[in-house]
Amino acid sequence: MSVSPSSREVLARRIAGEIILSSKPGATMRKWRELFAVSQISLSEKMQLSSSVISDYESGRRKSPGAKFIRRFVMALLQLDEEKGSRFTREFAKLTSSPSMAILDLREFPIPVRVEYLCKAIDGEVVACAEKYTKEVNGYTVVDSKKAVEAFSGLEYAQLFGATTERAIVFTNVDVAHLPMMIVRVSSLKPRVVVFHRTKPDDYAIKLAEYEQIPLIYSAAPNVEQLIKSLRKLYRIALRIKLGRRIRPPPKIST
């Protein structure tokens, strides 16, 4: 099965966008290199540079790469994958072109939004990794956890992340109070924040969150419709800030 140029370009933009938006671009570069099962040596040879350059970026010894370097990095990954039959490219292209019914809402914020404001918007309480509370998120995904378990397998979980993993994954319709964190635990992609809606995380969920060092939030928003409405309002507020308009912090939802 061949991969269309448009699908390859969508994937290239996604990888490049996540690296650019990341607070740790080197670590994000390493994550994608490992997802594509490419060694530093193979990648450096394809990019025609010393392997120490890749190592220095991934370890943070070099400053953030520029746009031209990121493009070379992404193109080298895709070319190496193509030489091996385009396995990862085909998988990710399929995911980006086939959104699942399990995803109820997915948006990228115009500017990074602090977890503090996310909590206020969804009537949230941090129940694990509170020291990570001031981190920012660049987007959110609201997912029906039951449908996700039924529909997703392996790399299909990647479609929860939109353009960046630096987002909040909000799990609704949670039956087992630790299942969403088990999904996160086994996934190679990790969100910035995990939210349980209307189901209190159990001790095991909290333990997994602390192991992964991912803030875990319980949202008491009255229903899924109100939850999504509040998140979209937060998106509009972020857009207004980007446009330079003064706004008040998002109000806490009354239940």
C-alpha atoms as a PDB file:
ATOM      1  CA  MET A   1       0.000   0.000   0.000  1.00  0.00           C
ATOM      2  CA  SER A   2       1.487   3.322  -1.092  1.00  0.00           C
ATOM      3  CA  VAL A   3       1.331   6.542   0.917  1.00  0.00           C
ATOM      4  CA  SER A   4      -0.081   9.633  -0.780  1.00  0.00           C
ATOM      5  CA  PRO A   5       2.036  12.809  -0.807  1.00  0.00           C
ATOM      6  CA  SER A   6      -0.742  14.678   1.015  1.00  0.00           C
ATOM      7  CA  SER A   7      -0.798  12.131   3.861  1.00  0.00           C
ATOM      8  CA  ARG A   8       2.989  12.289   4.139  1.00  0.00           C
ATOM      9  CA  GLU A   9       2.824  16.090   4.293  1.00  0.00           C
ATOM     10  CA  VAL A  10       0.174  16.007   7.041  1.00  0.00           C
ATOM     11  CA  LEU A  11       2.386  13.744   9.123  1.00  0.00           C
ATOM     12  CA  ALA A  12       5.451  15.899   8.444  1.00  0.00           C
ATOM     13  CA  ARG A  13       3.615  19.021   9.629  1.00  0.00           C
ATOM     14  CA  ARG A  14       2.418  17.227  12.735  1.00  0.00           C
ATOM     15  CA  ILE A  15       5.914  16.105  13.763  1.00  0.00           C
ATOM     16  CA  ALA A  16       7.492  19.468  12.968  1.00  0.00           C
ATOM     17  CA  GLY A  17       4.723  21.347  14.786  1.00  0.00           C
ATOM     18  CA  GLU A  18       5.109  19.274  17.934  1.00  0.00           C
ATOM     19  CA  ILE A  19       8.885  19.843  18.002  1.00  0.00           C
ATOM     20  CA  ILE A  20       8.477  23.598  17.489  1.00  0.00           C
ATOM     21  CA  LEU A  21       5.800  23.917  20.186  1.00  0.00           C
ATOM     22  CA  SER A  22       7.585  21.669  22.675  1.00  0.00           C
ATOM     23  CA  SER A  23       9.231  23.137  25.762  1.00  0.00           C
ATOM     24  CA  LYS A  24      11.878  20.410  25.320  1.00  0.00           C
ATOM     25  CA  PRO A  25      12.351  20.067  21.545  1.00  0.00           C
ATOM     26  CA  GLY A  26      15.312  17.709  21.905  1.00  0.00           C
ATOM     27  CA  ALA A  27      13.269  15.237  23.946  1.00  0.00           C
ATOM     28  CA  THR A  28      10.451  15.476  21.401  1.00  0.00           C
ATOM     29  CA  MET A  29      12.910  14.782  18.584  1.00  0.00           C
ATOM     30  CA  ARG A  30      14.125  11.707  20.460  1.00  0.00           C
ATOM     31  CA  LYS A  31      10.550  10.511  20.993  1.00  0.00           C
ATOM     32  CA  TRP A  32       9.740  10.646  17.271  1.00  0.00           C
ATOM     33  CA  ARG A  33      13.067   9.058  16.290  1.00  0.00           C
ATOM     34  CA  GLU A  34      12.359   6.156  18.632  1.00  0.00           C
ATOM     35  CA  LEU A  35       8.755   5.832  17.404  1.00  0.00           C
ATOM     36  CA  PHE A  36      10.128   5.420  13.895  1.00  0.00           C
ATOM     37  CA  ALA A  37      12.697   2.899  15.231  1.00  0.00           C
ATOM     38  CA  VAL A  38      15.599   4.886  13.760  1.00  0.00           C
ATOM     39  CA  SER A  39      19.044   4.991  15.369  1.00  0.00           C
ATOM     40  CA  GLN A  40      20.995   8.203  15.869  1.00  0.00           C
ATOM     41  CA  ILE A  41      23.655   6.899  13.485  1.00  0.00           C
ATOM     42  CA  SER A  42      21.171   6.068  10.704  1.00  0.00           C
ATOM     43  CA  LEU A  43      19.468   9.430  11.093  1.00  0.00           C
ATOM     44  CA  SER A  44      22.714  11.403  11.117  1.00  0.00           C
ATOM     45  CA  GLU A  45      23.918   9.581   7.994  1.00  0.00           C
ATOM     46  CA  LYS A  46      20.687  10.399   6.187  1.00  0.00           C
ATOM     47  CA  MET A  47      20.991  14.057   7.264  1.00  0.00           C
ATOM     48  CA  GLN A  48      24.696  14.034   6.348  1.00  0.00           C
ATOM     49  CA  LEU A  49      25.972  15.237   9.698  1.00  0.00           C
ATOM     50  CA  SER A  50      27.774  13.859  12.739  1.00  0.00           C
ATOM     51  CA  SER A  51      25.777  11.612  15.047  1.00  0.00           C
ATOM     52  CA  SER A  52      26.983  13.780  17.933  1.00  0.00           C
ATOM     53  CA  VAL A  53      24.795  16.604  16.593  1.00  0.00           C
ATOM     54  CA  ILE A  54      21.632  14.492  17.003  1.00  0.00           C
ATOM     55  CA  SER A  55      22.813  13.353  20.431  1.00  0.00           C
ATOM     56  CA  ASP A  56      23.521  16.929  21.537  1.00  0.00           C
ATOM     57  CA  TYR A  57      20.058  18.129  20.489  1.00  0.00           C
ATOM     58  CA  GLU A  58      18.278  15.217  22.162  1.00  0.00           C
ATOM     59  CA  SER A  59      20.194  15.656  25.406  1.00  0.00           C
ATOM     60  CA  GLY A  60      19.697  19.431  25.475  1.00  0.00           C
ATOM     61  CA  ARG A  61      23.388  20.216  25.112  1.00  0.00           C
ATOM     62  CA  ARG A  62      22.591  22.222  21.986  1.00  0.00           C
ATOM     63  CA  LYS A  63      20.090  25.058  21.801  1.00  0.00           C
ATOM     64  CA  SER A  64      16.684  24.518  20.213  1.00  0.00           C
ATOM     65  CA  PRO A  65      16.996  23.590  16.531  1.00  0.00           C
ATOM     66  CA  GLY A  66      15.906  26.057  13.874  1.00  0.00           C
ATOM     67  CA  ALA A  67      13.091  25.530  11.389  1.00  0.00           C
ATOM     68  CA  LYS A  68      15.437  24.389   8.596  1.00  0.00           C
ATOM     69  CA  PHE A  69      17.056  21.757  10.816  1.00  0.00           C
ATOM     70  CA  ILE A  70      13.657  20.495  11.999  1.00  0.00           C
ATOM     71  CA  ARG A  71      12.501  20.128   8.393  1.00  0.00           C
ATOM     72  CA  ARG A  72      15.648  18.143   7.523  1.00  0.00           C
ATOM     73  CA  PHE A  73      15.090  15.999  10.612  1.00  0.00           C
ATOM     74  CA  VAL A  74      11.472  15.228   9.699  1.00  0.00           C
ATOM     75  CA  MET A  75      12.230  14.532   6.042  1.00  0.00           C
ATOM     76  CA  ALA A  76      15.065  12.183   7.042  1.00  0.00           C
ATOM     77  CA  LEU A  77      12.729  10.235   9.343  1.00  0.00           C
ATOM     78  CA  LEU A  78      10.122   9.865   6.618  1.00  0.00           C
ATOM     79  CA  GLN A  79      12.704   8.862   4.014  1.00  0.00           C
ATOM     80  CA  LEU A  80      14.212   6.207   6.279  1.00  0.00           C
ATOM     81  CA  ASP A  81      10.738   4.857   7.007  1.00  0.00           C
ATOM     82  CA  GLU A  82       9.949   4.804   3.288  1.00  0.00           C
ATOM     83  CA  GLU A  83      13.057   2.707   2.690  1.00  0.00           C
ATOM     84  CA  LYS A  84      11.643   0.165   5.170  1.00  0.00           C
ATOM     85  CA  GLY A  85       8.223   0.036   3.501  1.00  0.00           C
ATOM     86  CA  SER A  86       6.640   3.152   5.045  1.00  0.00           C
ATOM     87  CA  ARG A  87       5.246   1.171   7.970  1.00  0.00           C
ATOM     88  CA  PHE A  88       5.008   4.048  10.451  1.00  0.00           C
ATOM     89  CA  THR A  89       4.070   6.590   7.815  1.00  0.00           C
ATOM     90  CA  ARG A  90       1.145   4.439   6.676  1.00  0.00           C
ATOM     91  CA  GLU A  91      -0.037   3.887  10.256  1.00  0.00           C
ATOM     92  CA  PHE A  92       0.049   7.548  11.223  1.00  0.00           C
ATOM     93  CA  ALA A  93      -1.454   8.649   7.896  1.00  0.00           C
ATOM     94  CA  LYS A  94      -4.363   6.284   8.491  1.00  0.00           C
ATOM     95  CA  LEU A  95      -4.905   7.690  11.967  1.00  0.00           C
ATOM     96  CA  THR A  96      -4.851  11.345  10.932  1.00  0.00           C
ATOM     97  CA  SER A  97      -7.354  10.715   8.127  1.00  0.00           C
ATOM     98  CA  SER A  98      -9.766   8.513  10.116  1.00  0.00           C
ATOM     99  CA  PRO A  99     -10.984  10.244  13.284  1.00  0.00           C
ATOM    100  CA  SER A 100     -12.687   7.889  15.705  1.00  0.00           C
ATOM    101  CA  MET A 101     -16.161   8.208  17.148  1.00  0.00           C
ATOM    102  CA  ALA A 102     -14.461   7.844  20.537  1.00  0.00           C
ATOM    103  CA  ILE A 103     -13.113  11.396  20.248  1.00  0.00           C
ATOM    104  CA  LEU A 104     -15.813  13.840  21.332  1.00  0.00           C
ATOM    105  CA  ASP A 105     -13.833  17.064  20.895  1.00  0.00           C
ATOM    106  CA  LEU A 106     -10.255  17.947  19.963  1.00  0.00           C
ATOM    107  CA  ARG A 107      -8.730  21.427  19.692  1.00  0.00           C
ATOM    108  CA  GLU A 108      -5.370  23.162  19.713  1.00  0.00           C
ATOM    109  CA  PHE A 109      -5.203  26.343  21.806  1.00  0.00           C
ATOM    110  CA  PRO A 110      -4.033  29.508  19.981  1.00  0.00           C
ATOM    111  CA  ILE A 111      -1.583  30.081  22.865  1.00  0.00           C
ATOM    112  CA  PRO A 112      -0.433  27.828  25.735  1.00  0.00           C
ATOM    113  CA  VAL A 113      -2.993  27.696  28.576  1.00  0.00           C
ATOM    114  CA  ARG A 114      -1.986  27.158  32.187  1.00  0.00           C
ATOM    115  CA  VAL A 115      -3.337  24.077  33.923  1.00  0.00           C
ATOM    116  CA  GLU A 116      -4.630  26.440  36.607  1.00  0.00           C
ATOM    117  CA  TYR A 117      -7.080  27.959  34.135  1.00  0.00           C
ATOM    118  CA  LEU A 118      -7.979  24.560  32.715  1.00  0.00           C
ATOM    119  CA  CYS A 119      -8.964  23.425  36.225  1.00  0.00           C
ATOM    120  CA  LYS A 120     -11.113  26.496  36.796  1.00  0.00           C
ATOM    121  CA  ALA A 121     -12.879  25.987  33.483  1.00  0.00           C
ATOM    122  CA  ILE A 122     -13.822  22.344  34.115  1.00  0.00           C
ATOM    123  CA  ASP A 123     -14.329  22.538  37.888  1.00  0.00           C
ATOM    124  CA  GLY A 124     -11.232  20.432  38.328  1.00  0.00           C
ATOM    125  CA  GLU A 125      -9.237  19.255  41.325  1.00  0.00           C
ATOM    126  CA  VAL A 126      -5.635  18.026  41.051  1.00  0.00           C
ATOM    127  CA  VAL A 127      -5.412  14.621  42.740  1.00  0.00           C
ATOM    128  CA  ALA A 128      -1.893  13.572  41.689  1.00  0.00           C
ATOM    129  CA  CYS A 129       1.380  15.361  40.865  1.00  0.00           C
ATOM    130  CA  ALA A 130       0.172  18.687  42.228  1.00  0.00           C
ATOM    131  CA  GLU A 131       3.727  20.045  41.964  1.00  0.00           C
ATOM    132  CA  LYS A 132       3.300  19.950  38.169  1.00  0.00           C
ATOM    133  CA  TYR A 133       0.140  22.078  38.480  1.00  0.00           C
ATOM    134  CA  THR A 134       1.531  25.239  36.844  1.00  0.00           C
ATOM    135  CA  LYS A 135       2.434  23.509  33.588  1.00  0.00           C
ATOM    136  CA  GLU A 136       0.815  24.708  30.401  1.00  0.00           C
ATOM    137  CA  VAL A 137      -1.118  22.769  27.785  1.00  0.00           C
ATOM    138  CA  ASN A 138      -1.321  23.519  24.071  1.00  0.00           C
ATOM    139  CA  GLY A 139      -4.608  21.752  23.420  1.00  0.00           C
ATOM    140  CA  TYR A 140      -7.147  19.225  24.667  1.00  0.00           C
ATOM    141  CA  THR A 141      -8.895  16.034  23.623  1.00  0.00           C
ATOM    142  CA  VAL A 142     -12.170  14.820  25.122  1.00  0.00           C
ATOM    143  CA  VAL A 143     -12.538  11.076  24.660  1.00  0.00           C
ATOM    144  CA  ASP A 144     -15.168   8.490  25.575  1.00  0.00           C
ATOM    145  CA  SER A 145     -13.037   5.949  27.430  1.00  0.00           C
ATOM    146  CA  LYS A 146     -15.371   2.987  26.740  1.00  0.00           C
ATOM    147  CA  LYS A 147     -15.358   3.607  23.000  1.00  0.00           C
ATOM    148  CA  ALA A 148     -11.606   4.196  23.036  1.00  0.00           C
ATOM    149  CA  VAL A 149     -10.973   0.793  24.614  1.00  0.00           C
ATOM    150  CA  GLU A 150     -13.251  -0.858  22.057  1.00  0.00           C
ATOM    151  CA  ALA A 151     -11.944   0.994  19.005  1.00  0.00           C
ATOM    152  CA  PHE A 152      -8.247   1.647  19.570  1.00  0.00           C
ATOM    153  CA  SER A 153      -5.231  -0.617  19.535  1.00  0.00           C
ATOM    154  CA  GLY A 154      -1.504   0.071  19.409  1.00  0.00           C
ATOM    155  CA  LEU A 155      -0.600   3.134  17.376  1.00  0.00           C
ATOM    156  CA  GLU A 156      -4.275   4.103  17.037  1.00  0.00           C
ATOM    157  CA  TYR A 157      -4.007   5.840  20.399  1.00  0.00           C
ATOM    158  CA  ALA A 158      -1.875   8.440  18.630  1.00  0.00           C
ATOM    159  CA  GLN A 159      -4.990  10.054  17.190  1.00  0.00           C
ATOM    160  CA  LEU A 160      -5.882  11.308  20.667  1.00  0.00           C
ATOM    161  CA  PHE A 161      -3.014  13.782  20.466  1.00  0.00           C
ATOM    162  CA  GLY A 162      -3.937  15.992  17.511  1.00  0.00           C
ATOM    163  CA  ALA A 163      -0.983  18.202  16.610  1.00  0.00           C
ATOM    164  CA  THR A 164       0.883  17.860  19.914  1.00  0.00           C
ATOM    165  CA  THR A 165       1.175  15.604  22.967  1.00  0.00           C
ATOM    166  CA  GLU A 166       1.466  18.713  25.166  1.00  0.00           C
ATOM    167  CA  ARG A 167      -2.249  18.673  25.823  1.00  0.00           C
ATOM    168  CA  ALA A 168      -4.903  17.559  28.289  1.00  0.00           C
ATOM    169  CA  ILE A 169      -6.557  14.224  27.590  1.00  0.00           C
ATOM    170  CA  VAL A 170     -10.016  14.318  29.180  1.00  0.00           C
ATOM    171  CA  PHE A 171     -11.567  10.882  29.728  1.00  0.00           C
ATOM    172  CA  THR A 172     -15.341  10.699  30.025  1.00  0.00           C
ATOM    173  CA  ASN A 173     -17.622   7.696  30.580  1.00  0.00           C
ATOM    174  CA  VAL A 174     -15.052   6.039  32.858  1.00  0.00           C
ATOM    175  CA  ASP A 175     -16.200   2.690  34.301  1.00  0.00           C
ATOM    176  CA  VAL A 176     -12.989   1.410  35.842  1.00  0.00           C
ATOM    177  CA  ALA A 177     -11.364   4.178  37.873  1.00  0.00           C
ATOM    178  CA  HIS A 178      -7.812   3.403  36.746  1.00  0.00           C
ATOM    179  CA  LEU A 179      -8.302   2.233  33.144  1.00  0.00           C
ATOM    180  CA  PRO A 180      -7.520   5.616  31.492  1.00  0.00           C
ATOM    181  CA  MET A 181      -4.190   5.798  33.329  1.00  0.00           C
ATOM    182  CA  MET A 182      -3.401   2.252  32.215  1.00  0.00           C
ATOM    183  CA  ILE A 183      -3.990   3.393  28.630  1.00  0.00           C
ATOM    184  CA  VAL A 184      -1.570   6.264  29.195  1.00  0.00           C
ATOM    185  CA  ARG A 185       0.927   3.981  30.908  1.00  0.00           C
ATOM    186  CA  VAL A 186       1.231   1.557  27.986  1.00  0.00           C
ATOM    187  CA  SER A 187       1.206   4.254  25.301  1.00  0.00           C
ATOM    188  CA  SER A 188       4.520   5.526  23.928  1.00  0.00           C
ATOM    189  CA  LEU A 189       2.935   8.990  23.617  1.00  0.00           C
ATOM    190  CA  LYS A 190       2.247  10.819  26.879  1.00  0.00           C
ATOM    191  CA  PRO A 191      -0.117  13.772  27.442  1.00  0.00           C
ATOM    192  CA  ARG A 192       0.823  16.791  29.538  1.00  0.00           C
ATOM    193  CA  VAL A 193      -2.268  16.341  31.767  1.00  0.00           C
ATOM    194  CA  VAL A 194      -4.906  13.624  32.286  1.00  0.00           C
ATOM    195  CA  VAL A 195      -8.465  14.443  33.395  1.00  0.00           C
ATOM    196  CA  PHE A 196     -11.127  12.046  34.715  1.00  0.00           C
ATOM    197  CA  HIS A 197     -14.640  13.410  34.259  1.00  0.00           C
ATOM    198  CA  ARG A 198     -17.232  12.536  36.927  1.00  0.00           C
ATOM    199  CA  THR A 199     -15.294   9.442  38.085  1.00  0.00           C
ATOM    200  CA  LYS A 200     -12.883   9.799  40.980  1.00  0.00           C
ATOM    201  CA  PRO A 201      -9.472   8.256  40.179  1.00  0.00           C
ATOM    202  CA  ASP A 202      -8.723   5.332  42.473  1.00  0.00           C
ATOM    203  CA  ASP A 203      -5.459   4.744  44.325  1.00  0.00           C
ATOM    204  CA  TYR A 204      -4.004   2.738  41.456  1.00  0.00           C
ATOM    205  CA  ALA A 205      -4.743   5.520  38.959  1.00  0.00           C
ATOM    206  CA  ILE A 206      -3.037   8.014  41.263  1.00  0.00           C
ATOM    207  CA  LYS A 207      -0.035   5.687  41.632  1.00  0.00           C
ATOM    208  CA  LEU A 208       0.303   5.379  37.844  1.00  0.00           C
ATOM    209  CA  ALA A 209       0.027   9.158  37.412  1.00  0.00           C
ATOM    210  CA  GLU A 210       2.749   9.728  39.982  1.00  0.00           C
ATOM    211  CA  TYR A 211       4.966   7.129  38.307  1.00  0.00           C
ATOM    212  CA  GLU A 212       4.534   8.865  34.945  1.00  0.00           C
ATOM    213  CA  GLN A 213       4.831  12.319  36.569  1.00  0.00           C
ATOM    214  CA  ILE A 214       1.636  13.447  34.838  1.00  0.00           C
ATOM    215  CA  PRO A 215      -0.814  15.703  36.730  1.00  0.00           C
ATOM    216  CA  LEU A 216      -4.105  13.889  37.236  1.00  0.00           C
ATOM    217  CA  ILE A 217      -7.256  15.987  37.584  1.00  0.00           C
ATOM    218  CA  TYR A 218     -10.784  15.096  38.645  1.00  0.00           C
ATOM    219  CA  SER A 219     -13.441  17.187  36.890  1.00  0.00           C
ATOM    220  CA  ALA A 220     -16.835  17.681  38.549  1.00  0.00           C
ATOM    221  CA  ALA A 221     -18.402  19.359  35.500  1.00  0.00           C
ATOM    222  CA  PRO A 222     -22.066  18.284  35.606  1.00  0.00           C
ATOM    223  CA  ASN A 223     -22.169  16.546  32.221  1.00  0.00           C
ATOM    224  CA  VAL A 224     -20.170  15.995  29.034  1.00  0.00           C
ATOM    225  CA  GLU A 225     -22.005  18.760  27.183  1.00  0.00           C
ATOM    226  CA  GLN A 226     -21.096  21.321  29.860  1.00  0.00           C
ATOM    227  CA  LEU A 227     -17.540  20.004  29.973  1.00  0.00           C
ATOM    228  CA  ILE A 228     -17.025  20.517  26.243  1.00  0.00           C
ATOM    229  CA  LYS A 229     -18.787  23.876  26.335  1.00  0.00           C
ATOM    230  CA  SER A 230     -16.421  25.078  29.070  1.00  0.00           C
ATOM    231  CA  LEU A 231     -13.341  23.855  27.190  1.00  0.00           C
ATOM    232  CA  ARG A 232     -14.469  25.614  24.025  1.00  0.00           C
ATOM    233  CA  LYS A 233     -15.013  28.783  26.030  1.00  0.00           C
ATOM    234  CA  LEU A 234     -11.451  28.465  27.312  1.00  0.00           C
ATOM    235  CA  TYR A 235     -10.322  28.142  23.692  1.00  0.00           C
ATOM    236  CA  ARG A 236     -12.154  31.366  22.787  1.00  0.00           C
ATOM    237  CA  ILE A 237     -10.581  33.142  25.765  1.00  0.00           C
ATOM    238  CA  ALA A 238      -7.117  32.027  24.629  1.00  0.00           C
ATOM    239  CA  LEU A 239      -7.906  33.324  21.155  1.00  0.00           C
ATOM    240  CA  ARG A 240      -8.947  36.699  22.552  1.00  0.00           C
ATOM    241  CA  ILE A 241      -5.694  36.907  24.501  1.00  0.00           C
ATOM    242  CA  LYS A 242      -3.733  36.138  21.351  1.00  0.00           C
ATOM    243  CA  LEU A 243      -5.575  38.923  19.578  1.00  0.00           C
ATOM    244  CA  GLY A 244      -4.553  41.310  22.369  1.00  0.00           C
ATOM    245  CA  ARG A 245      -7.885  41.786  24.083  1.00  0.00           C
ATOM    246  CA  ARG A 246      -8.096  42.032  27.856  1.00  0.00           C
ATOM    247  CA  ILE A 247     -10.141  39.314  29.539  1.00  0.00           C
ATOM    248  CA  ARG A 248     -10.865  38.080  33.018  1.00  0.00           C
ATOM    249  CA  PRO A 249      -9.747  34.606  34.179  1.00  0.00           C
ATOM    250  CA  PRO A 250     -12.313  31.903  33.274  1.00  0.00           C
ATOM    251  CA  PRO A 251     -14.987  31.612  35.999  1.00  0.00           C
ATOM    252  CA  LYS A 252     -15.499  28.448  37.972  1.00  0.00           C
ATOM    253  CA  ILE A 253     -18.451  26.398  36.783  1.00  0.00           C
ATOM    254  CA  SER A 254     -21.395  26.289  39.146  1.00  0.00           C
ATOM    255  CA  THR A 255     -22.824  22.844  39.690  1.00  0.00           C
END
